[in-house]
Amino acid sequence: MTMPKAEPDASDRRSLHERIAADLRDDIMSGELPPGAKLPSTTHLKTRFDASNATVQKALQLLKDEGLVVGRAGAAVTVREHRQRTMRPAAFMAPAAPGEPYRWLAEAAKHGASARSDLLDVVECCPPADVRAALGLPEGGLALLRCQLLLIDDEPAELVRSYYPLDIVRDTAMMDRRKIKGGTPALLADLGHPPRRSVDRVSARIPTQDQYQALNLPGGLPVLRTLRVVYSDDERPIEATVMVKAGHLYELEYEFMAE
């Protein structure tokens, strides 16, 4: 597909190589340039963006640093295989069946990926304000935090901080610094608090320092932050989870049925 020549925009204060990378990134994420596809030649990109060879190479290097494309001297730059992933949150809510792995891991395995979770911390703490509000905690109120890093093919995929009301999880296996067989939804169900409904609030944000480091992020690209509140019977909030993933590598898919 022949793309029109980009016209300069005085209101866009980014450097030209950043703007070139942004347009190519959108082509990749939208599927215009699918995994394995060759990027347009340097000559084509120079004409399309009215840019110098050095500027085009800086743009391509940005995409390489982000893990979106691969290339080596003397070879075409191509879109990296299996980097853009579609996450379907509805698939992760229900507890795993007895003996089955946590649903996030099972869903990743369906797509041929090797997935695992690393438990980073289990501690009582005062959650962020939006989490406190979701759980109905007062200012300064405490909750149990279970923090983990999810990895796909040994690369950081998602930083997950899950908060639980202490009156539900006190003196249970949730307080231990170890993984929960079948995942926390299964244990909550066993404790008499089965998940019935969840509400997601998704926003794009600039990563914090710990998110940047944990996810091994490149440059200043935004992350997708999801605050998920899980409710049990009588609309009781039993979990509030903050999930952060690289915005240039993931998209979220929600399905709605007409009533």
C-alpha atoms as a PDB file:
ATOM      1  CA  MET A   1       0.000   0.000   0.000  1.00  0.00           C
ATOM      2  CA  THR A   2       1.443   3.393  -0.975  1.00  0.00           C
ATOM      3  CA  MET A   3       1.260   5.885   1.854  1.00  0.00           C
ATOM      4  CA  PRO A   4       0.867   9.603   1.167  1.00  0.00           C
ATOM      5  CA  LYS A   5       3.819  11.855   1.818  1.00  0.00           C
ATOM      6  CA  ALA A   6       3.723  13.192   5.361  1.00  0.00           C
ATOM      7  CA  GLU A   7       3.256  16.916   5.649  1.00  0.00           C
ATOM      8  CA  PRO A   8       5.100  18.731   8.444  1.00  0.00           C
ATOM      9  CA  ASP A   9       2.921  19.894  11.311  1.00  0.00           C
ATOM     10  CA  ALA A  10       4.143  22.917  13.247  1.00  0.00           C
ATOM     11  CA  SER A  11       2.034  21.907  16.256  1.00  0.00           C
ATOM     12  CA  ASP A  12       3.866  18.573  16.606  1.00  0.00           C
ATOM     13  CA  ARG A  13       6.915  19.393  18.699  1.00  0.00           C
ATOM     14  CA  ARG A  14       8.469  15.954  18.460  1.00  0.00           C
ATOM     15  CA  SER A  15      11.644  15.538  16.466  1.00  0.00           C
ATOM     16  CA  LEU A  16      11.189  14.192  12.935  1.00  0.00           C
ATOM     17  CA  HIS A  17      12.635  10.775  13.740  1.00  0.00           C
ATOM     18  CA  GLU A  18      10.150  10.409  16.632  1.00  0.00           C
ATOM     19  CA  ARG A  19       7.263  11.297  14.307  1.00  0.00           C
ATOM     20  CA  ILE A  20       8.463   8.791  11.710  1.00  0.00           C
ATOM     21  CA  ALA A  21       8.696   6.091  14.380  1.00  0.00           C
ATOM     22  CA  ALA A  22       5.195   6.981  15.601  1.00  0.00           C
ATOM     23  CA  ASP A  23       3.670   6.546  12.135  1.00  0.00           C
ATOM     24  CA  LEU A  24       5.479   3.264  11.543  1.00  0.00           C
ATOM     25  CA  ARG A  25       4.536   2.062  15.016  1.00  0.00           C
ATOM     26  CA  ASP A  26       0.894   2.680  14.180  1.00  0.00           C
ATOM     27  CA  ASP A  27       1.270   0.730  10.933  1.00  0.00           C
ATOM     28  CA  ILE A  28       2.664  -2.183  12.943  1.00  0.00           C
ATOM     29  CA  MET A  29       0.080  -2.115  15.715  1.00  0.00           C
ATOM     30  CA  SER A  30      -2.851  -1.785  13.292  1.00  0.00           C
ATOM     31  CA  GLY A  31      -1.632  -4.764  11.262  1.00  0.00           C
ATOM     32  CA  GLU A  32      -0.805  -2.736   8.149  1.00  0.00           C
ATOM     33  CA  LEU A  33       2.697  -4.126   8.673  1.00  0.00           C
ATOM     34  CA  PRO A  34       2.039  -7.611  10.120  1.00  0.00           C
ATOM     35  CA  PRO A  35       4.596  -9.800  11.957  1.00  0.00           C
ATOM     36  CA  GLY A  36       7.351 -10.860   9.574  1.00  0.00           C
ATOM     37  CA  ALA A  37       6.634  -8.087   7.081  1.00  0.00           C
ATOM     38  CA  LYS A  38       9.458  -5.994   5.688  1.00  0.00           C
ATOM     39  CA  LEU A  39       9.387  -2.317   6.508  1.00  0.00           C
ATOM     40  CA  PRO A  40       9.477   0.084   3.541  1.00  0.00           C
ATOM     41  CA  SER A  41      12.971   0.729   2.228  1.00  0.00           C
ATOM     42  CA  THR A  42      15.034   3.622   3.503  1.00  0.00           C
ATOM     43  CA  THR A  43      14.635   5.294   0.110  1.00  0.00           C
ATOM     44  CA  HIS A  44      10.853   5.010   0.352  1.00  0.00           C
ATOM     45  CA  LEU A  45      10.811   6.355   3.905  1.00  0.00           C
ATOM     46  CA  LYS A  46      13.069   9.270   2.981  1.00  0.00           C
ATOM     47  CA  THR A  47      10.605  10.269   0.273  1.00  0.00           C
ATOM     48  CA  ARG A  48       7.495   9.623   2.366  1.00  0.00           C
ATOM     49  CA  PHE A  49       8.706  11.732   5.287  1.00  0.00           C
ATOM     50  CA  ASP A  50      11.000  14.145   3.429  1.00  0.00           C
ATOM     51  CA  ALA A  51      13.796  13.047   5.743  1.00  0.00           C
ATOM     52  CA  SER A  52      17.509  12.381   5.570  1.00  0.00           C
ATOM     53  CA  ASN A  53      19.002   8.903   5.695  1.00  0.00           C
ATOM     54  CA  ALA A  54      20.326   9.567   9.213  1.00  0.00           C
ATOM     55  CA  THR A  55      16.877  10.628  10.443  1.00  0.00           C
ATOM     56  CA  VAL A  56      15.221   7.510   9.028  1.00  0.00           C
ATOM     57  CA  GLN A  57      17.867   5.318  10.669  1.00  0.00           C
ATOM     58  CA  LYS A  58      17.263   7.004  14.037  1.00  0.00           C
ATOM     59  CA  ALA A  59      13.544   6.267  13.670  1.00  0.00           C
ATOM     60  CA  LEU A  60      14.217   2.617  12.863  1.00  0.00           C
ATOM     61  CA  GLN A  61      16.565   2.346  15.832  1.00  0.00           C
ATOM     62  CA  LEU A  62      13.773   3.534  18.115  1.00  0.00           C
ATOM     63  CA  LEU A  63      11.546   0.724  16.855  1.00  0.00           C
ATOM     64  CA  LYS A  64      14.372  -1.782  17.307  1.00  0.00           C
ATOM     65  CA  ASP A  65      14.915  -0.614  20.875  1.00  0.00           C
ATOM     66  CA  GLU A  66      11.192  -1.072  21.522  1.00  0.00           C
ATOM     67  CA  GLY A  67      11.354  -4.650  20.288  1.00  0.00           C
ATOM     68  CA  LEU A  68       8.883  -4.040  17.483  1.00  0.00           C
ATOM     69  CA  VAL A  69      11.264  -4.678  14.581  1.00  0.00           C
ATOM     70  CA  VAL A  70      14.504  -6.533  13.973  1.00  0.00           C
ATOM     71  CA  GLY A  71      17.228  -5.893  11.449  1.00  0.00           C
ATOM     72  CA  ARG A  72      20.890  -6.281  10.787  1.00  0.00           C
ATOM     73  CA  ALA A  73      23.393  -4.732   8.446  1.00  0.00           C
ATOM     74  CA  GLY A  74      22.718  -5.584   4.823  1.00  0.00           C
ATOM     75  CA  ALA A  75      19.254  -7.041   5.510  1.00  0.00           C
ATOM     76  CA  ALA A  76      15.752  -5.601   5.447  1.00  0.00           C
ATOM     77  CA  VAL A  77      14.198  -4.461   8.695  1.00  0.00           C
ATOM     78  CA  THR A  78      11.210  -6.682   9.516  1.00  0.00           C
ATOM     79  CA  VAL A  79       8.392  -6.628  12.041  1.00  0.00           C
ATOM     80  CA  ARG A  80       9.207  -8.905  14.925  1.00  0.00           C
ATOM     81  CA  GLU A  81       7.147 -12.074  15.229  1.00  0.00           C
ATOM     82  CA  HIS A  82       4.668 -12.518  18.093  1.00  0.00           C
ATOM     83  CA  ARG A  83       5.211  -9.182  19.814  1.00  0.00           C
ATOM     84  CA  GLN A  84       1.809  -7.544  19.504  1.00  0.00           C
ATOM     85  CA  ARG A  85      -0.626  -9.388  21.732  1.00  0.00           C
ATOM     86  CA  THR A  86      -4.339  -9.018  22.274  1.00  0.00           C
ATOM     87  CA  MET A  87      -5.436  -9.552  25.875  1.00  0.00           C
ATOM     88  CA  ARG A  88      -9.021 -10.580  26.603  1.00  0.00           C
ATOM     89  CA  PRO A  89      -9.727  -9.651  30.228  1.00  0.00           C
ATOM     90  CA  ALA A  90     -13.022 -11.552  30.355  1.00  0.00           C
ATOM     91  CA  ALA A  91     -11.076 -14.802  30.008  1.00  0.00           C
ATOM     92  CA  PHE A  92      -9.238 -14.257  33.290  1.00  0.00           C
ATOM     93  CA  MET A  93     -12.009 -13.579  35.772  1.00  0.00           C
ATOM     94  CA  ALA A  94     -13.398 -17.025  36.566  1.00  0.00           C
ATOM     95  CA  PRO A  95     -11.424 -19.273  38.933  1.00  0.00           C
ATOM     96  CA  ALA A  96      -9.332 -21.968  37.313  1.00  0.00           C
ATOM     97  CA  ALA A  97     -10.701 -25.490  37.397  1.00  0.00           C
ATOM     98  CA  PRO A  98      -9.169 -27.812  40.004  1.00  0.00           C
ATOM     99  CA  GLY A  99      -5.668 -28.819  38.935  1.00  0.00           C
ATOM    100  CA  GLU A 100      -5.572 -26.234  36.151  1.00  0.00           C
ATOM    101  CA  PRO A 101      -3.017 -23.392  35.988  1.00  0.00           C
ATOM    102  CA  TYR A 102      -3.915 -19.758  36.609  1.00  0.00           C
ATOM    103  CA  ARG A 103      -6.043 -18.577  33.682  1.00  0.00           C
ATOM    104  CA  TRP A 104      -3.606 -15.887  32.543  1.00  0.00           C
ATOM    105  CA  LEU A 105      -0.962 -18.568  32.065  1.00  0.00           C
ATOM    106  CA  ALA A 106      -3.394 -20.908  30.337  1.00  0.00           C
ATOM    107  CA  GLU A 107      -4.513 -18.192  27.888  1.00  0.00           C
ATOM    108  CA  ALA A 108      -0.908 -17.363  26.982  1.00  0.00           C
ATOM    109  CA  ALA A 109      -0.174 -21.035  26.385  1.00  0.00           C
ATOM    110  CA  LYS A 110      -3.055 -21.216  23.868  1.00  0.00           C
ATOM    111  CA  HIS A 111      -1.059 -18.891  21.622  1.00  0.00           C
ATOM    112  CA  GLY A 112       2.089 -21.000  21.821  1.00  0.00           C
ATOM    113  CA  ALA A 113       3.840 -18.770  24.331  1.00  0.00           C
ATOM    114  CA  SER A 114       5.787 -19.798  27.388  1.00  0.00           C
ATOM    115  CA  ALA A 115       4.352 -17.862  30.322  1.00  0.00           C
ATOM    116  CA  ARG A 116       5.129 -17.658  34.001  1.00  0.00           C
ATOM    117  CA  SER A 117       4.560 -15.405  36.993  1.00  0.00           C
ATOM    118  CA  ASP A 118       7.165 -14.231  39.497  1.00  0.00           C
ATOM    119  CA  LEU A 119       5.822 -13.304  42.910  1.00  0.00           C
ATOM    120  CA  LEU A 120       7.624 -10.113  43.951  1.00  0.00           C
ATOM    121  CA  ASP A 121       6.058  -9.239  47.287  1.00  0.00           C
ATOM    122  CA  VAL A 122       3.267  -9.984  49.760  1.00  0.00           C
ATOM    123  CA  VAL A 123       2.749  -7.247  52.339  1.00  0.00           C
ATOM    124  CA  GLU A 124       0.152  -5.261  54.254  1.00  0.00           C
ATOM    125  CA  CYS A 125       0.152  -1.660  53.036  1.00  0.00           C
ATOM    126  CA  CYS A 126      -1.926   1.438  52.415  1.00  0.00           C
ATOM    127  CA  PRO A 127      -3.134   1.226  48.785  1.00  0.00           C
ATOM    128  CA  PRO A 128      -3.328   4.150  46.342  1.00  0.00           C
ATOM    129  CA  ALA A 129      -6.348   6.414  46.714  1.00  0.00           C
ATOM    130  CA  ASP A 130      -8.318   4.920  43.815  1.00  0.00           C
ATOM    131  CA  VAL A 131      -7.805   1.412  45.189  1.00  0.00           C
ATOM    132  CA  ARG A 132      -8.852   2.507  48.700  1.00  0.00           C
ATOM    133  CA  ALA A 133     -12.009   4.006  47.257  1.00  0.00           C
ATOM    134  CA  ALA A 134     -12.751   0.833  45.297  1.00  0.00           C
ATOM    135  CA  LEU A 135     -12.360  -1.347  48.399  1.00  0.00           C
ATOM    136  CA  GLY A 136     -14.222   1.089  50.663  1.00  0.00           C
ATOM    137  CA  LEU A 137     -11.183   1.741  52.845  1.00  0.00           C
ATOM    138  CA  PRO A 138     -10.709   4.933  54.855  1.00  0.00           C
ATOM    139  CA  GLU A 139      -7.733   7.205  54.342  1.00  0.00           C
ATOM    140  CA  GLY A 140      -4.731   5.367  55.718  1.00  0.00           C
ATOM    141  CA  GLY A 141      -6.616   2.044  55.658  1.00  0.00           C
ATOM    142  CA  LEU A 142      -4.605  -1.100  55.056  1.00  0.00           C
ATOM    143  CA  ALA A 143      -5.042  -3.987  52.620  1.00  0.00           C
ATOM    144  CA  LEU A 144      -3.033  -7.018  51.627  1.00  0.00           C
ATOM    145  CA  LEU A 145      -0.883  -6.465  48.543  1.00  0.00           C
ATOM    146  CA  ARG A 146       0.248  -9.350  46.380  1.00  0.00           C
ATOM    147  CA  CYS A 147       2.592  -8.069  43.678  1.00  0.00           C
ATOM    148  CA  GLN A 148       3.743 -10.179  40.760  1.00  0.00           C
ATOM    149  CA  LEU A 149       5.438  -9.814  37.411  1.00  0.00           C
ATOM    150  CA  LEU A 150       3.996 -11.786  34.496  1.00  0.00           C
ATOM    151  CA  LEU A 151       6.444 -12.874  31.801  1.00  0.00           C
ATOM    152  CA  ILE A 152       5.900 -14.209  28.288  1.00  0.00           C
ATOM    153  CA  ASP A 153       8.804 -16.042  26.664  1.00  0.00           C
ATOM    154  CA  ASP A 154      10.975 -14.726  29.542  1.00  0.00           C
ATOM    155  CA  GLU A 155      10.197 -11.091  28.715  1.00  0.00           C
ATOM    156  CA  PRO A 156       8.310  -8.864  31.206  1.00  0.00           C
ATOM    157  CA  ALA A 157       4.704  -8.525  30.092  1.00  0.00           C
ATOM    158  CA  GLU A 158       2.666  -7.126  32.964  1.00  0.00           C
ATOM    159  CA  LEU A 159       3.214  -5.736  36.451  1.00  0.00           C
ATOM    160  CA  VAL A 160       0.292  -6.739  38.674  1.00  0.00           C
ATOM    161  CA  ARG A 161      -0.528  -5.340  42.094  1.00  0.00           C
ATOM    162  CA  SER A 162      -3.566  -6.970  43.679  1.00  0.00           C
ATOM    163  CA  TYR A 163      -5.098  -5.644  46.902  1.00  0.00           C
ATOM    164  CA  TYR A 164      -7.456  -7.572  49.199  1.00  0.00           C
ATOM    165  CA  PRO A 165      -9.509  -6.605  52.285  1.00  0.00           C
ATOM    166  CA  LEU A 166      -7.707  -7.838  55.378  1.00  0.00           C
ATOM    167  CA  ASP A 167     -10.886  -9.147  57.027  1.00  0.00           C
ATOM    168  CA  ILE A 168     -11.275 -11.588  54.109  1.00  0.00           C
ATOM    169  CA  VAL A 169      -7.703 -12.843  53.750  1.00  0.00           C
ATOM    170  CA  ARG A 170      -6.365 -12.651  57.319  1.00  0.00           C
ATOM    171  CA  ASP A 171      -4.964 -16.018  58.504  1.00  0.00           C
ATOM    172  CA  THR A 172      -5.285 -17.579  55.029  1.00  0.00           C
ATOM    173  CA  ALA A 173      -2.747 -18.756  52.458  1.00  0.00           C
ATOM    174  CA  MET A 174      -3.122 -15.359  50.784  1.00  0.00           C
ATOM    175  CA  MET A 175      -0.889 -13.887  53.499  1.00  0.00           C
ATOM    176  CA  ASP A 176       1.986 -16.229  52.694  1.00  0.00           C
ATOM    177  CA  ARG A 177       4.716 -15.270  50.269  1.00  0.00           C
ATOM    178  CA  ARG A 178       4.037 -18.110  47.890  1.00  0.00           C
ATOM    179  CA  LYS A 179       1.940 -18.696  44.814  1.00  0.00           C
ATOM    180  CA  ILE A 180      -1.691 -19.730  45.175  1.00  0.00           C
ATOM    181  CA  LYS A 181      -2.511 -22.953  43.347  1.00  0.00           C
ATOM    182  CA  GLY A 182      -5.132 -22.178  40.723  1.00  0.00           C
ATOM    183  CA  GLY A 183      -4.787 -18.457  41.405  1.00  0.00           C
ATOM    184  CA  THR A 184      -6.376 -16.156  43.964  1.00  0.00           C
ATOM    185  CA  PRO A 185      -9.897 -16.288  42.376  1.00  0.00           C
ATOM    186  CA  ALA A 186     -10.074 -19.997  43.225  1.00  0.00           C
ATOM    187  CA  LEU A 187      -9.002 -19.389  46.817  1.00  0.00           C
ATOM    188  CA  LEU A 188     -11.423 -16.500  47.254  1.00  0.00           C
ATOM    189  CA  ALA A 189     -14.215 -18.758  46.004  1.00  0.00           C
ATOM    190  CA  ASP A 190     -13.176 -21.421  48.522  1.00  0.00           C
ATOM    191  CA  LEU A 191     -13.331 -18.758  51.248  1.00  0.00           C
ATOM    192  CA  GLY A 192     -16.955 -18.041  50.349  1.00  0.00           C
ATOM    193  CA  HIS A 193     -16.319 -15.001  48.163  1.00  0.00           C
ATOM    194  CA  PRO A 194     -16.708 -16.144  44.544  1.00  0.00           C
ATOM    195  CA  PRO A 195     -16.113 -13.463  41.904  1.00  0.00           C
ATOM    196  CA  ARG A 196     -19.437 -12.396  40.381  1.00  0.00           C
ATOM    197  CA  ARG A 197     -18.690  -9.173  38.532  1.00  0.00           C
ATOM    198  CA  SER A 198     -15.671  -7.104  37.610  1.00  0.00           C
ATOM    199  CA  VAL A 199     -15.288  -3.512  36.450  1.00  0.00           C
ATOM    200  CA  ASP A 200     -12.246  -2.279  34.513  1.00  0.00           C
ATOM    201  CA  ARG A 201     -11.008   1.283  34.253  1.00  0.00           C
ATOM    202  CA  VAL A 202      -8.310   1.561  31.589  1.00  0.00           C
ATOM    203  CA  SER A 203      -6.059   4.560  31.059  1.00  0.00           C
ATOM    204  CA  ALA A 204      -2.858   5.361  29.198  1.00  0.00           C
ATOM    205  CA  ARG A 205      -0.150   6.830  31.398  1.00  0.00           C
ATOM    206  CA  ILE A 206       3.530   7.631  31.458  1.00  0.00           C
ATOM    207  CA  PRO A 207       5.187   4.830  33.449  1.00  0.00           C
ATOM    208  CA  THR A 208       6.394   5.399  36.988  1.00  0.00           C
ATOM    209  CA  GLN A 209      10.002   4.613  37.807  1.00  0.00           C
ATOM    210  CA  ASP A 210       9.268   1.162  39.218  1.00  0.00           C
ATOM    211  CA  GLN A 211       6.992   0.284  36.282  1.00  0.00           C
ATOM    212  CA  TYR A 212       9.672   1.417  33.837  1.00  0.00           C
ATOM    213  CA  GLN A 213      12.272  -0.784  35.496  1.00  0.00           C
ATOM    214  CA  ALA A 214      10.083  -3.833  36.102  1.00  0.00           C
ATOM    215  CA  LEU A 215       8.809  -3.949  32.523  1.00  0.00           C
ATOM    216  CA  ASN A 216      12.180  -3.049  30.997  1.00  0.00           C
ATOM    217  CA  LEU A 217      10.536  -0.306  28.960  1.00  0.00           C
ATOM    218  CA  PRO A 218      12.257   1.710  26.221  1.00  0.00           C
ATOM    219  CA  GLY A 219      12.100   5.482  26.030  1.00  0.00           C
ATOM    220  CA  GLY A 220       9.053   7.422  27.139  1.00  0.00           C
ATOM    221  CA  LEU A 221       6.248   5.372  25.635  1.00  0.00           C
ATOM    222  CA  PRO A 222       3.014   5.157  27.633  1.00  0.00           C
ATOM    223  CA  VAL A 223       1.731   2.115  29.456  1.00  0.00           C
ATOM    224  CA  LEU A 224      -1.792   0.747  29.690  1.00  0.00           C
ATOM    225  CA  ARG A 225      -2.994   0.869  33.301  1.00  0.00           C
ATOM    226  CA  THR A 226      -6.069  -1.146  34.227  1.00  0.00           C
ATOM    227  CA  LEU A 227      -7.747  -0.832  37.600  1.00  0.00           C
ATOM    228  CA  ARG A 228      -9.956  -3.894  37.973  1.00  0.00           C
ATOM    229  CA  VAL A 229     -12.393  -4.155  40.852  1.00  0.00           C
ATOM    230  CA  VAL A 230     -13.883  -7.601  41.487  1.00  0.00           C
ATOM    231  CA  TYR A 231     -17.174  -7.928  43.335  1.00  0.00           C
ATOM    232  CA  SER A 232     -18.665 -10.962  45.048  1.00  0.00           C
ATOM    233  CA  ASP A 233     -22.151 -11.562  46.437  1.00  0.00           C
ATOM    234  CA  ASP A 234     -24.050  -8.505  47.669  1.00  0.00           C
ATOM    235  CA  GLU A 235     -21.732  -6.351  45.530  1.00  0.00           C
ATOM    236  CA  ARG A 236     -18.935  -6.721  48.071  1.00  0.00           C
ATOM    237  CA  PRO A 237     -15.544  -5.666  46.610  1.00  0.00           C
ATOM    238  CA  ILE A 238     -13.103  -8.507  47.245  1.00  0.00           C
ATOM    239  CA  GLU A 239     -10.163  -7.477  45.073  1.00  0.00           C
ATOM    240  CA  ALA A 240      -8.773  -4.369  43.405  1.00  0.00           C
ATOM    241  CA  THR A 241      -5.927  -4.953  41.004  1.00  0.00           C
ATOM    242  CA  VAL A 242      -3.709  -2.491  39.176  1.00  0.00           C
ATOM    243  CA  MET A 243      -2.292  -4.051  36.003  1.00  0.00           C
ATOM    244  CA  VAL A 244       0.323  -2.241  33.933  1.00  0.00           C
ATOM    245  CA  LYS A 245       1.590  -3.354  30.532  1.00  0.00           C
ATOM    246  CA  ALA A 246       3.568  -1.751  27.699  1.00  0.00           C
ATOM    247  CA  GLY A 247       1.202   0.309  25.568  1.00  0.00           C
ATOM    248  CA  HIS A 248       3.098  -0.351  22.342  1.00  0.00           C
ATOM    249  CA  LEU A 249       2.953  -4.135  22.713  1.00  0.00           C
ATOM    250  CA  TYR A 250      -0.559  -4.878  23.946  1.00  0.00           C
ATOM    251  CA  GLU A 251      -4.170  -4.127  23.233  1.00  0.00           C
ATOM    252  CA  LEU A 252      -7.267  -5.033  25.242  1.00  0.00           C
ATOM    253  CA  GLU A 253     -10.303  -6.684  23.679  1.00  0.00           C
ATOM    254  CA  TYR A 254     -13.746  -6.441  25.255  1.00  0.00           C
ATOM    255  CA  GLU A 255     -16.884  -8.076  23.868  1.00  0.00           C
ATOM    256  CA  PHE A 256     -20.363  -6.730  24.489  1.00  0.00           C
ATOM    257  CA  MET A 257     -23.670  -8.337  23.665  1.00  0.00           C
ATOM    258  CA  ALA A 258     -26.754  -6.319  22.733  1.00  0.00           C
ATOM    259  CA  GLU A 259     -29.615  -6.830  25.168  1.00  0.00           C
END
